[in-house]
Amino acid sequence: MNFRIQHARTSRRHLRLAVLPILLACGAAFASAPPPDMNLQSAQEAISNAERVEAASLAPVELGEARSKLSSAQDAVREKKMTEAARLADEARACAELAAARTGAIKANAVNADIKRSTATLVDEMQRKTGDTK
């Protein structure tokens, strides 16, 4: 029985010794993460697209948040916080895409309202010419 207990202790000790280098390697991998160049570029492109579709006037809050997060991501790169920079860049891209989508929705609603007004005007004209009332 003592042999089993001693064997279990030895096995746990070996396991701990084997896990330690793996954890150190993972920590080093995270600490030396590559710069999030693609994330930053995607965020910048999304912001440019949102600006092109006039999000600055129709979705200024979302676009402002995207710009702020991109700036924070660039600061994180300068501070060598690559994981945080990648996360912030991804959030900036998402905010910019939201701004562009909101802008598209606002424009579509405006077009829809204009079409409804035009249709109502045509209906009124047709009723006046035929003498029908609602």
Protein backbone atom coordinates (compact mmCIF):
# COMPACT_ATOMS: atom_id res chain seq x y z
CA MET A 1 0.00 0.00 0.00
CA ASN A 2 2.86 2.37 0.77
CA PHE A 3 4.16 1.70 -2.70
CA ARG A 4 0.88 2.96 -4.25
CA ILE A 5 0.90 6.15 -2.17
CA GLN A 6 4.54 6.81 -2.97
CA HIS A 7 3.91 6.10 -6.66
CA ALA A 8 0.94 8.50 -6.70
CA ARG A 9 3.05 11.23 -5.09
CA THR A 10 5.83 10.69 -7.57
CA SER A 11 3.36 10.76 -10.46
CA ARG A 12 1.88 14.05 -9.24
CA ARG A 13 5.35 15.53 -8.87
CA HIS A 14 6.23 14.50 -12.43
CA LEU A 15 2.95 15.92 -13.68
CA ARG A 16 3.65 19.25 -12.01
CA LEU A 17 7.13 19.34 -13.50
CA ALA A 18 5.72 18.57 -16.94
CA VAL A 19 2.95 21.17 -16.74
CA LEU A 20 5.23 24.01 -15.59
CA PRO A 21 7.15 24.38 -18.91
CA ILE A 22 3.88 24.23 -20.84
CA LEU A 23 2.41 27.05 -18.76
CA LEU A 24 5.58 29.09 -19.15
CA ALA A 25 5.54 28.57 -22.90
CA CYS A 26 1.89 29.66 -23.11
CA GLY A 27 2.63 32.74 -21.03
CA ALA A 28 5.54 33.64 -23.29
CA ALA A 29 3.36 33.17 -26.36
CA PHE A 30 0.77 35.58 -25.01
CA ALA A 31 3.36 38.08 -23.86
CA SER A 32 5.02 38.16 -27.26
CA ALA A 33 1.88 38.23 -29.37
CA PRO A 34 2.48 39.73 -32.80
CA PRO A 35 1.22 43.24 -33.51
CA PRO A 36 -2.44 43.23 -34.51
CA ASP A 37 -1.75 44.90 -37.86
CA MET A 38 -4.63 43.19 -39.66
CA ASN A 39 -7.06 44.06 -36.86
CA LEU A 40 -6.01 47.71 -36.94
CA GLN A 41 -6.23 47.83 -40.72
CA SER A 42 -9.70 46.25 -40.72
CA ALA A 43 -10.87 48.76 -38.12
CA GLN A 44 -9.49 51.68 -40.13
CA GLU A 45 -11.17 50.41 -43.30
CA ALA A 46 -14.49 50.00 -41.49
CA ILE A 47 -14.24 53.56 -40.13
CA SER A 48 -13.42 54.90 -43.60
CA ASN A 49 -16.41 53.03 -45.03
CA ALA A 50 -18.69 54.44 -42.32
CA GLU A 51 -17.44 57.95 -43.07
CA ARG A 52 -18.03 57.39 -46.79
CA VAL A 53 -21.70 56.53 -46.17
CA GLU A 54 -22.17 59.67 -44.03
CA ALA A 55 -22.21 58.00 -40.62
CA ALA A 56 -20.65 61.12 -39.13
CA SER A 57 -23.97 62.92 -39.49
CA LEU A 58 -26.41 59.99 -39.16
CA ALA A 59 -24.69 57.76 -36.56
CA PRO A 60 -22.17 60.04 -34.83
CA VAL A 61 -22.19 58.21 -31.48
CA GLU A 62 -21.25 54.85 -32.96
CA LEU A 63 -18.65 56.36 -35.28
CA GLY A 64 -17.14 58.35 -32.41
CA GLU A 65 -16.91 55.20 -30.33
CA ALA A 66 -15.18 53.39 -33.21
CA ARG A 67 -12.62 56.18 -33.54
CA SER A 68 -12.03 56.20 -29.79
CA LYS A 69 -11.49 52.43 -29.64
CA LEU A 70 -9.12 52.57 -32.61
CA SER A 71 -7.11 55.26 -30.87
CA SER A 72 -7.01 53.16 -27.70
CA ALA A 73 -5.88 50.16 -29.76
CA GLN A 74 -3.04 52.20 -31.24
CA ASP A 75 -2.05 53.31 -27.73
CA ALA A 76 -2.05 49.68 -26.59
CA VAL A 77 0.30 48.77 -29.47
CA ARG A 78 2.70 51.50 -28.36
CA GLU A 79 2.54 50.09 -24.82
CA LYS A 80 3.24 46.58 -26.22
CA LYS A 81 -0.15 45.27 -25.05
CA MET A 82 -0.86 43.35 -28.24
CA THR A 83 -3.74 41.20 -27.00
CA GLU A 84 -5.57 44.26 -25.69
CA ALA A 85 -4.78 46.14 -28.91
CA ALA A 86 -6.28 43.35 -31.02
CA ARG A 87 -9.42 43.29 -28.88
CA LEU A 88 -9.84 47.07 -29.07
CA ALA A 89 -9.25 47.07 -32.82
CA ASP A 90 -11.91 44.39 -33.26
CA GLU A 91 -14.32 46.43 -31.13
CA ALA A 92 -13.53 49.53 -33.21
CA ARG A 93 -14.33 47.62 -36.40
CA ALA A 94 -17.60 46.38 -34.93
CA CYS A 95 -18.60 49.91 -33.85
CA ALA A 96 -17.77 51.28 -37.29
CA GLU A 97 -19.78 48.53 -38.98
CA LEU A 98 -22.68 49.31 -36.64
CA ALA A 99 -22.43 53.00 -37.57
CA ALA A 100 -22.53 52.13 -41.27
CA ALA A 101 -25.49 49.78 -40.75
CA ARG A 102 -27.41 52.39 -38.73
CA THR A 103 -26.72 54.95 -41.43
CA GLY A 104 -28.06 52.56 -44.07
CA ALA A 105 -31.17 51.90 -42.01
CA ILE A 106 -31.80 55.63 -41.47
CA LYS A 107 -31.41 56.30 -45.18
CA ALA A 108 -33.69 53.38 -46.08
CA ASN A 109 -36.35 54.62 -43.65
CA ALA A 110 -36.14 58.10 -45.19
CA VAL A 111 -36.59 56.67 -48.69
CA ASN A 112 -39.48 54.53 -47.45
CA ALA A 113 -41.18 57.56 -45.89
CA ASP A 114 -40.70 59.53 -49.12
CA ILE A 115 -42.25 56.72 -51.16
CA LYS A 116 -45.23 56.58 -48.78
CA ARG A 117 -45.74 60.33 -49.13
CA SER A 118 -45.55 60.06 -52.92
CA THR A 119 -48.01 57.19 -52.95
CA ALA A 120 -50.42 59.12 -50.73
CA THR A 121 -50.17 62.12 -53.04
CA LEU A 122 -50.90 59.95 -56.09
CA VAL A 123 -53.89 58.36 -54.34
CA ASP A 124 -55.23 61.84 -53.48
CA GLU A 125 -54.77 62.99 -57.09
CA MET A 126 -56.53 59.93 -58.45
CA GLN A 127 -59.44 60.36 -56.05
CA ARG A 128 -59.79 64.04 -56.91
CA LYS A 129 -59.87 63.34 -60.65
CA THR A 130 -62.46 60.56 -60.33
CA GLY A 131 -64.46 62.32 -57.62
CA ASP A 132 -64.20 59.42 -55.20
CA THR A 133 -63.78 60.00 -51.51
CA LYS A 134 -62.27 57.74 -48.92
